[in-house]
Amino acid sequence: MGTLTESERKLIRLVVDGLTNRAIADRLYASVHTVNTHMKHIFTKLDINTRVELTRLAIERGAVANGVD
């Protein structure tokens, strides 16, 4: 996960916490469009298609405890 930006890493932590894109946007003071764009970039970079895959990958790599590396 080293190619992810800091913004993308923050977003992943919030996805793992179970927040919706709307809730993430509210938390980060961003638009839902911005969150959707970050999500698309994350999915492309990690070659995944779902939030479930993202959560599983983040947990497997210790992202929850260590801050997505």
Protein backbone atom coordinates (compact mmCIF):
# COMPACT_ATOMS: atom_id res chain seq x y z
CA MET A 1 0.00 0.00 0.00
CA GLY A 2 3.01 2.25 -0.27
CA THR A 3 1.78 4.06 -3.37
CA LEU A 4 -1.26 5.49 -1.58
CA THR A 5 -1.43 9.16 -0.69
CA GLU A 6 -1.95 10.32 2.87
CA SER A 7 -5.51 11.35 1.97
CA GLU A 8 -6.21 7.88 0.63
CA ARG A 9 -4.78 6.28 3.76
CA LYS A 10 -7.03 8.42 5.96
CA LEU A 11 -10.01 7.44 3.87
CA ILE A 12 -9.18 3.73 4.15
CA ARG A 13 -9.16 3.96 7.94
CA LEU A 14 -12.65 5.47 7.83
CA VAL A 15 -13.90 2.77 5.43
CA VAL A 16 -12.54 0.10 7.77
CA ASP A 17 -14.42 1.82 10.61
CA GLY A 18 -17.61 1.26 8.59
CA LEU A 19 -18.37 4.82 7.50
CA THR A 20 -20.30 5.48 4.30
CA ASN A 21 -18.92 7.78 1.62
CA ARG A 22 -21.32 10.50 2.81
CA ALA A 23 -20.15 10.11 6.42
CA ILE A 24 -16.51 10.14 5.29
CA ALA A 25 -17.13 13.32 3.29
CA ASP A 26 -18.72 14.97 6.33
CA ARG A 27 -15.86 13.86 8.59
CA LEU A 28 -13.18 15.15 6.20
CA TYR A 29 -15.06 18.32 5.22
CA ALA A 30 -14.97 17.19 1.60
CA SER A 31 -17.56 16.53 -1.07
CA VAL A 32 -18.95 13.07 -1.73
CA HIS A 33 -17.54 13.43 -5.25
CA THR A 34 -14.04 13.84 -3.79
CA VAL A 35 -14.48 10.76 -1.62
CA ASN A 36 -15.78 8.77 -4.61
CA THR A 37 -12.75 9.84 -6.65
CA HIS A 38 -10.35 8.80 -3.88
CA MET A 39 -12.17 5.45 -3.62
CA LYS A 40 -11.79 4.84 -7.37
CA HIS A 41 -8.07 5.63 -7.15
CA ILE A 42 -7.63 3.33 -4.16
CA PHE A 43 -9.46 0.48 -5.89
CA THR A 44 -7.33 0.94 -9.02
CA LYS A 45 -4.03 1.13 -7.12
CA LEU A 46 -4.82 -1.96 -5.06
CA ASP A 47 -6.49 -3.85 -7.93
CA ILE A 48 -9.68 -4.45 -5.96
CA ASN A 49 -13.38 -3.82 -6.62
CA THR A 50 -15.22 -3.62 -3.30
CA ARG A 51 -15.11 -2.03 0.14
CA VAL A 52 -15.09 -5.54 1.62
CA GLU A 53 -11.88 -6.35 -0.27
CA LEU A 54 -10.42 -3.03 0.87
CA THR A 55 -11.27 -3.73 4.50
CA ARG A 56 -9.90 -7.28 4.33
CA LEU A 57 -6.67 -6.08 2.70
CA ALA A 58 -6.23 -3.26 5.22
CA ILE A 59 -6.72 -5.62 8.15
CA GLU A 60 -4.40 -8.25 6.67
CA ARG A 61 -1.65 -5.69 6.16
CA GLY A 62 -2.06 -4.24 9.63
CA ALA A 63 -3.39 -0.94 8.32
CA VAL A 64 -5.89 -0.60 11.12
CA ALA A 65 -3.29 -0.82 13.86
CA ASN A 66 -0.29 0.59 12.02
CA GLY A 67 -1.76 3.24 9.74
CA VAL A 68 -1.87 1.71 6.23
CA ASP A 69 1.68 1.16 4.98
